[in-house]
Protein backbone atom coordinates (compact mmCIF):
# COMPACT_ATOMS: atom_id res chain seq x y z
CA UNK A 1 0.08 0.09 0.05
CA UNK A 2 0.99 3.53 -0.89
CA UNK A 3 1.52 5.69 2.18
CA UNK A 4 3.41 8.85 0.66
CA UNK A 5 3.90 10.24 -2.69
CA UNK A 6 6.46 12.39 -3.69
CA UNK A 7 4.62 15.39 -5.71
CA UNK A 8 1.21 16.23 -5.57
CA UNK A 9 -0.01 18.62 -7.95
CA UNK A 10 -3.40 20.24 -7.21
CA UNK A 11 -5.03 21.83 -10.01
CA UNK A 12 -7.10 25.00 -9.22
CA UNK A 13 -6.38 27.06 -6.34
CA UNK A 14 -9.61 28.27 -5.05
CA UNK A 15 -11.26 27.73 -1.65
CA UNK A 16 -11.29 24.14 -2.04
CA UNK A 17 -8.37 23.27 -3.70
CA UNK A 18 -6.04 25.40 -1.36
CA UNK A 19 -7.81 24.19 1.78
CA UNK A 20 -6.94 20.55 0.57
CA UNK A 21 -3.41 21.58 -0.17
CA UNK A 22 -3.07 23.06 3.34
CA UNK A 23 -4.58 19.91 4.97
CA UNK A 24 -2.19 17.61 2.80
CA UNK A 25 0.83 20.04 3.48
CA UNK A 26 -0.13 19.49 7.60
CA UNK A 27 -0.22 15.77 6.78
CA UNK A 28 2.82 15.13 5.29
CA UNK A 29 1.18 12.49 3.02
CA UNK A 30 2.94 14.34 0.23
CA UNK A 31 6.37 15.61 0.06
CA UNK A 32 5.63 18.22 -2.23
CA UNK A 33 2.57 20.25 -3.37
CA UNK A 34 2.79 22.11 -6.64
CA UNK A 35 -0.43 24.64 -6.82
CA UNK A 36 -1.52 24.96 -10.30
CA UNK A 37 -3.62 27.98 -11.37
CA UNK A 38 -3.85 30.51 -14.34
CA UNK A 39 -3.45 33.49 -11.55
CA UNK A 40 0.23 34.16 -10.55
CA UNK A 41 -0.99 36.29 -7.85
CA UNK A 42 -3.28 33.67 -6.36
CA UNK A 43 -0.20 31.04 -6.60
CA UNK A 44 1.91 33.49 -4.61
CA UNK A 45 -0.62 34.01 -1.88
CA UNK A 46 -0.95 30.36 -1.55
CA UNK A 47 2.65 29.77 -1.36
CA UNK A 48 3.31 32.81 0.98
CA UNK A 49 0.08 31.02 3.12
CA UNK A 50 2.79 28.06 3.42
CA UNK A 51 -0.41 25.97 1.51
CA UNK A 52 1.94 24.81 -1.49
CA UNK A 53 5.50 24.36 -1.78
CA UNK A 54 5.64 25.80 -5.33
CA UNK A 55 3.32 27.14 -7.95
CA UNK A 56 2.81 26.94 -11.66
CA UNK A 57 1.10 28.51 -14.19
CA UNK A 58 1.71 25.85 -16.89
CA UNK A 59 -0.67 22.69 -16.51
CA UNK A 60 1.30 20.83 -19.25
CA UNK A 61 4.93 21.43 -17.25
CA UNK A 62 3.58 20.74 -13.71
CA UNK A 63 1.35 17.44 -14.65
CA UNK A 64 3.85 15.52 -16.04
CA UNK A 65 5.99 15.35 -12.84
CA UNK A 66 3.35 14.78 -10.48
CA UNK A 67 2.45 11.11 -8.81
CA UNK A 68 -0.60 12.43 -7.68
CA UNK A 69 -3.08 15.05 -9.29
CA UNK A 70 -6.02 16.41 -7.78
CA UNK A 71 -8.27 18.12 -9.70
CA UNK A 72 -10.19 21.31 -7.86
CA UNK A 73 -12.23 23.12 -10.70
CA UNK A 74 -15.60 23.28 -11.61
CA UNK A 75 -16.96 19.96 -12.88
CA UNK A 76 -17.05 20.78 -16.86
CA UNK A 77 -13.50 22.11 -16.57
CA UNK A 78 -12.27 18.98 -14.88
CA UNK A 79 -13.84 17.00 -17.44
CA UNK A 80 -12.19 19.16 -19.95
CA UNK A 81 -8.74 19.12 -17.99
CA UNK A 82 -8.80 15.15 -17.70
CA UNK A 83 -9.14 14.92 -21.54
CA UNK A 84 -6.26 17.36 -21.88
CA UNK A 85 -3.67 15.83 -19.48
CA UNK A 86 -4.21 12.37 -20.34
CA UNK A 87 -1.23 12.09 -22.67
CA UNK A 88 0.86 13.93 -20.16
CA UNK A 89 0.39 12.05 -16.91
CA UNK A 90 3.22 9.54 -16.12
CA UNK A 91 2.90 5.96 -16.04
CA UNK A 92 0.94 4.70 -12.62
CA UNK A 93 0.41 8.14 -11.54
CA UNK A 94 -3.22 8.70 -9.58
CA UNK A 95 -5.69 11.17 -10.37
CA UNK A 96 -8.49 12.23 -7.89
CA UNK A 97 -11.00 15.34 -8.22
CA UNK A 98 -13.24 17.27 -5.70
CA UNK A 99 -16.04 18.00 -7.92
CA UNK A 100 -19.53 18.29 -6.74
CA UNK A 101 -21.30 15.93 -9.17
CA UNK A 102 -19.58 12.34 -10.15
CA UNK A 103 -21.50 10.78 -13.01
CA UNK A 104 -19.85 12.75 -15.67
CA UNK A 105 -16.38 12.98 -14.34
CA UNK A 106 -16.38 8.98 -13.70
CA UNK A 107 -17.29 8.90 -17.11
CA UNK A 108 -14.15 10.57 -18.38
CA UNK A 109 -12.05 8.95 -15.78
CA UNK A 110 -13.20 5.70 -17.39
CA UNK A 111 -11.69 6.70 -20.80
CA UNK A 112 -8.48 7.37 -19.40
CA UNK A 113 -5.36 5.45 -20.53
CA UNK A 114 -5.01 2.15 -18.62
CA UNK A 115 -1.77 3.02 -16.91
CA UNK A 116 -3.36 5.93 -14.96
CA UNK A 117 -5.22 5.24 -11.87
CA UNK A 118 -8.03 7.49 -10.98
CA UNK A 119 -10.97 7.80 -8.61
CA UNK A 120 -13.84 10.59 -8.18
CA UNK A 121 -14.01 12.73 -4.64
CA UNK A 122 -16.31 15.00 -3.15
CA UNK A 123 -15.79 16.24 0.34
CA UNK A 124 -19.00 17.27 1.93
CA UNK A 125 -17.94 20.41 3.03
CA UNK A 126 -17.68 23.86 1.86
CA UNK A 127 -18.88 27.33 3.58
CA UNK A 128 -20.80 29.73 1.83
CA UNK A 129 -17.72 32.03 1.50
CA UNK A 130 -15.27 31.22 -1.75
CA UNK A 131 -11.98 32.32 -2.57
CA UNK A 132 -8.18 31.53 -1.56
CA UNK A 133 -8.80 34.17 1.35
CA UNK A 134 -11.31 31.80 3.37
CA UNK A 135 -9.27 28.34 2.94
CA UNK A 136 -9.10 26.33 6.04
CA UNK A 137 -7.01 23.14 6.36
CA UNK A 138 -9.71 22.16 8.87
CA UNK A 139 -12.72 22.27 6.59
CA UNK A 140 -12.51 18.69 5.97
CA UNK A 141 -12.44 17.51 9.91
CA UNK A 142 -15.14 15.19 10.53
CA UNK A 143 -16.77 15.52 7.48
CA UNK A 144 -17.89 12.99 4.90
CA UNK A 145 -15.65 12.66 2.12
CA UNK A 146 -17.26 10.47 -0.76
CA UNK A 147 -15.12 8.75 -2.99
CA UNK A 148 -16.44 7.15 -6.31
CA UNK A 149 -14.59 4.51 -7.90
CA UNK A 150 -13.91 4.11 -11.85
CA UNK A 151 -12.75 1.37 -14.14
CA UNK A 152 -9.37 3.07 -13.60
CA UNK A 153 -9.56 2.55 -9.64
CA UNK A 154 -7.15 -0.19 -8.49
CA UNK A 155 -7.10 -1.68 -5.07
CA UNK A 156 -3.82 0.57 -4.45
CA UNK A 157 -5.48 3.94 -5.69
CA UNK A 158 -8.49 3.01 -3.35
CA UNK A 159 -6.59 2.22 -0.28
CA UNK A 160 -4.32 5.44 -0.97
CA UNK A 161 -7.69 7.39 -1.27
CA UNK A 162 -9.07 6.27 1.61
CA UNK A 163 -5.62 7.00 3.55
CA UNK A 164 -5.52 10.26 2.25
CA UNK A 165 -9.00 11.03 3.38
CA UNK A 166 -8.68 9.98 6.76
CA UNK A 167 -5.29 11.79 7.10
CA UNK A 168 -7.10 14.99 6.47
CA UNK A 169 -9.42 14.10 9.35
CA UNK A 170 -12.45 13.25 6.81
CA UNK A 171 -14.44 9.99 6.80
CA UNK A 172 -14.17 8.29 3.66
CA UNK A 173 -17.66 6.97 2.07
CA UNK A 174 -17.57 4.61 -0.94
CA UNK A 175 -20.40 5.45 -3.54
CA UNK A 176 -20.89 4.73 -7.27
CA UNK A 177 -21.04 8.07 -9.16
CA UNK A 178 -25.16 7.50 -9.69
CA UNK A 179 -25.71 6.83 -6.06
CA UNK A 180 -24.06 9.87 -5.24
CA UNK A 181 -25.59 12.11 -7.75
CA UNK A 182 -29.15 11.05 -6.65
CA UNK A 183 -28.23 11.76 -2.84
CA UNK A 184 -26.76 15.06 -3.38
CA UNK A 185 -29.24 15.92 -5.39
CA UNK A 186 -31.88 15.80 -2.69
CA UNK A 187 -30.05 16.81 0.57
CA UNK A 188 -27.81 19.63 -1.16
CA UNK A 189 -28.50 20.62 -4.76
CA UNK A 190 -32.45 20.92 -4.16
CA UNK A 191 -32.13 23.25 -1.10
CA UNK A 192 -30.24 25.64 -3.74
CA UNK A 193 -33.53 25.42 -5.98
CA UNK A 194 -35.82 26.32 -3.55
CA UNK A 195 -34.79 30.22 -3.49
CA UNK A 196 -35.38 30.12 -7.34
CA UNK A 197 -39.15 28.68 -6.52
CA UNK A 198 -39.69 31.09 -3.52
CA UNK A 199 -38.42 33.96 -5.22
CA UNK A 200 -40.29 33.61 -8.61
CA UNK A 201 -43.42 32.83 -6.83
CA UNK A 202 -43.31 36.27 -5.16
CA UNK A 203 -42.53 38.03 -8.47
CA UNK A 204 -45.37 36.37 -10.32
CA UNK A 205 -47.80 38.60 -7.42
CA UNK A 206 -46.44 41.52 -8.90
CA UNK A 207 -47.08 43.41 -5.68
CA UNK A 208 -44.40 45.55 -4.42
CA UNK A 209 -46.02 45.29 -0.83
CA UNK A 210 -45.04 41.49 -0.71
CA UNK A 211 -41.12 42.54 -0.59
CA UNK A 212 -41.84 45.32 1.73
CA UNK A 213 -43.33 42.88 4.01
CA UNK A 214 -40.86 40.10 3.66
CA UNK A 215 -39.08 39.65 7.21
CA UNK A 216 -36.30 37.48 8.26
CA UNK A 217 -37.41 34.18 7.61
CA UNK A 218 -37.92 34.77 3.76
CA UNK A 219 -34.53 36.34 4.11
CA UNK A 220 -32.98 33.53 5.33
CA UNK A 221 -34.72 30.87 3.38
CA UNK A 222 -33.60 32.80 -0.05
CA UNK A 223 -30.20 34.40 0.78
CA UNK A 224 -28.70 31.38 -0.97
CA UNK A 225 -30.17 32.82 -4.18
CA UNK A 226 -27.02 34.92 -4.30
CA UNK A 227 -24.49 31.95 -3.32
CA UNK A 228 -21.88 31.52 -6.39
CA UNK A 229 -23.96 31.51 -9.31
CA UNK A 230 -21.43 30.13 -11.73
CA UNK A 231 -20.47 27.17 -9.22
CA UNK A 232 -24.30 26.25 -9.30
CA UNK A 233 -25.05 26.68 -13.23
CA UNK A 234 -22.19 24.06 -13.51
CA UNK A 235 -24.11 21.75 -10.84
CA UNK A 236 -27.44 22.03 -12.39
CA UNK A 237 -26.01 21.05 -15.84
CA UNK A 238 -23.81 18.35 -14.55
CA UNK A 239 -26.48 16.70 -12.50
CA UNK A 240 -29.89 17.79 -14.40
CA UNK A 241 -31.30 13.80 -13.90
CA UNK A 242 -30.76 13.74 -10.49
CA UNK A 243 -31.75 17.63 -9.52
CA UNK A 244 -35.06 17.12 -11.71
CA UNK A 245 -35.89 13.92 -10.03
CA UNK A 246 -35.68 15.65 -6.96
CA UNK A 247 -37.81 18.36 -8.12
CA UNK A 248 -40.62 16.12 -8.98
CA UNK A 249 -40.39 14.37 -5.38
CA UNK A 250 -40.58 17.62 -3.80
CA UNK A 251 -43.61 18.93 -6.03
CA UNK A 252 -45.51 15.59 -4.69
CA UNK A 253 -44.74 16.15 -1.22
CA UNK A 254 -46.08 19.72 -1.65
CA UNK A 255 -49.11 18.45 -3.60
CA UNK A 256 -49.97 16.05 -0.35
CA UNK A 257 -49.30 19.30 1.74
CA UNK A 258 -51.59 21.61 -0.39
CA UNK A 259 -54.42 18.64 -0.72
CA UNK A 260 -54.39 18.49 3.21
CA UNK A 261 -54.50 22.07 3.87
CA UNK A 262 -57.34 22.49 1.34
CA UNK A 263 -59.32 20.06 2.78
CA UNK A 264 -59.11 21.60 6.08
CA UNK A 265 -57.89 18.29 7.62
CA UNK A 266 -56.50 19.37 10.64
CA UNK A 267 -55.36 16.01 12.16
CA UNK A 268 -53.33 15.07 8.75
CA UNK A 269 -51.74 18.64 8.85
CA UNK A 270 -50.94 18.36 12.51
CA UNK A 271 -49.42 14.59 11.73
CA UNK A 272 -47.07 16.17 8.86
CA UNK A 273 -45.85 18.80 11.01
CA UNK A 274 -45.33 16.59 13.93
CA UNK A 275 -43.43 13.92 11.63
CA UNK A 276 -40.91 16.85 10.14
CA UNK A 277 -40.41 17.84 13.60
CA UNK A 278 -39.86 14.55 14.65
CA UNK A 279 -37.64 13.55 11.82
CA UNK A 280 -35.45 16.74 12.32
CA UNK A 281 -35.09 16.13 15.89
CA UNK A 282 -33.80 12.46 15.35
CA UNK A 283 -31.29 13.39 12.62
CA UNK A 284 -30.16 16.79 14.18
CA UNK A 285 -30.89 17.31 17.71
CA UNK A 286 -27.80 15.43 18.52
CA UNK A 287 -25.18 17.78 16.59
CA UNK A 288 -23.25 20.14 18.02
CA UNK A 289 -23.75 23.91 17.29
CA UNK A 290 -20.96 23.98 14.84
CA UNK A 291 -22.07 20.90 13.18
CA UNK A 292 -25.27 22.28 12.81
CA UNK A 293 -23.93 25.59 11.24
CA UNK A 294 -22.26 23.29 8.57
CA UNK A 295 -25.65 21.17 7.80
CA UNK A 296 -27.18 24.63 7.61
CA UNK A 297 -24.76 25.68 4.71
CA UNK A 298 -24.71 22.05 3.36
CA UNK A 299 -22.17 20.06 1.34
CA UNK A 300 -20.96 21.45 -2.05
């Protein structure tokens, strides 16, 4: 089993990539960490903060020497990068990603040359803030880190990926890509869709007084509408099947609720309220304040 690699290249020095580089630097599972980004200032800052040993503006120059390559850019960029680096990666190098959706990434990894090992990854963490300045090595501690095997995931790659996840303080969970995307569509992506419907519903009323009356509860339930639009566009276009299924499931639940309210069925309405309260308390009441804060922000 591989317990350490000489050179790790992290592609994308945003919040997730830099945080992961910082976490890996603390574990020393990688002897050298090279940050790859198109912004020289970002690379300089990452190196100054001690997150990487050195930076590179050239993907092709840095990839060829790496034993481990971690792709930490938006999903569609990850897919393009996989195609670009396939001829450049050295024999037996390992590739991992931290993209928010997995099916399309795993499909791209399946097409990599046989001498490359690759596995999908998704840390279920990520605050609402973005950018290098918010990078935090502890971002992954005590959080679930999903691993999605591919046709290019051998026993060595899977064992090393699990070790890496544990070393940064996270909890590895192995899922197939389709199962992952169905689950995150419901628990992570659907909550980001709700503000679209809520704000759109108020807009259709065409009554400015509604916005005047909108209080804290409405603002809190819709504030994620401003959350990282480019990232969410990428997620919506790469997990469309899972998100649409989640929306339809929500529509069914809302239809049931609407029917109970419309019929004045007090017993059933009360039962739905109590079932929801019990479910929330069962799942979340034992969590600490810090864990609850992370739940409210959701995994990305």
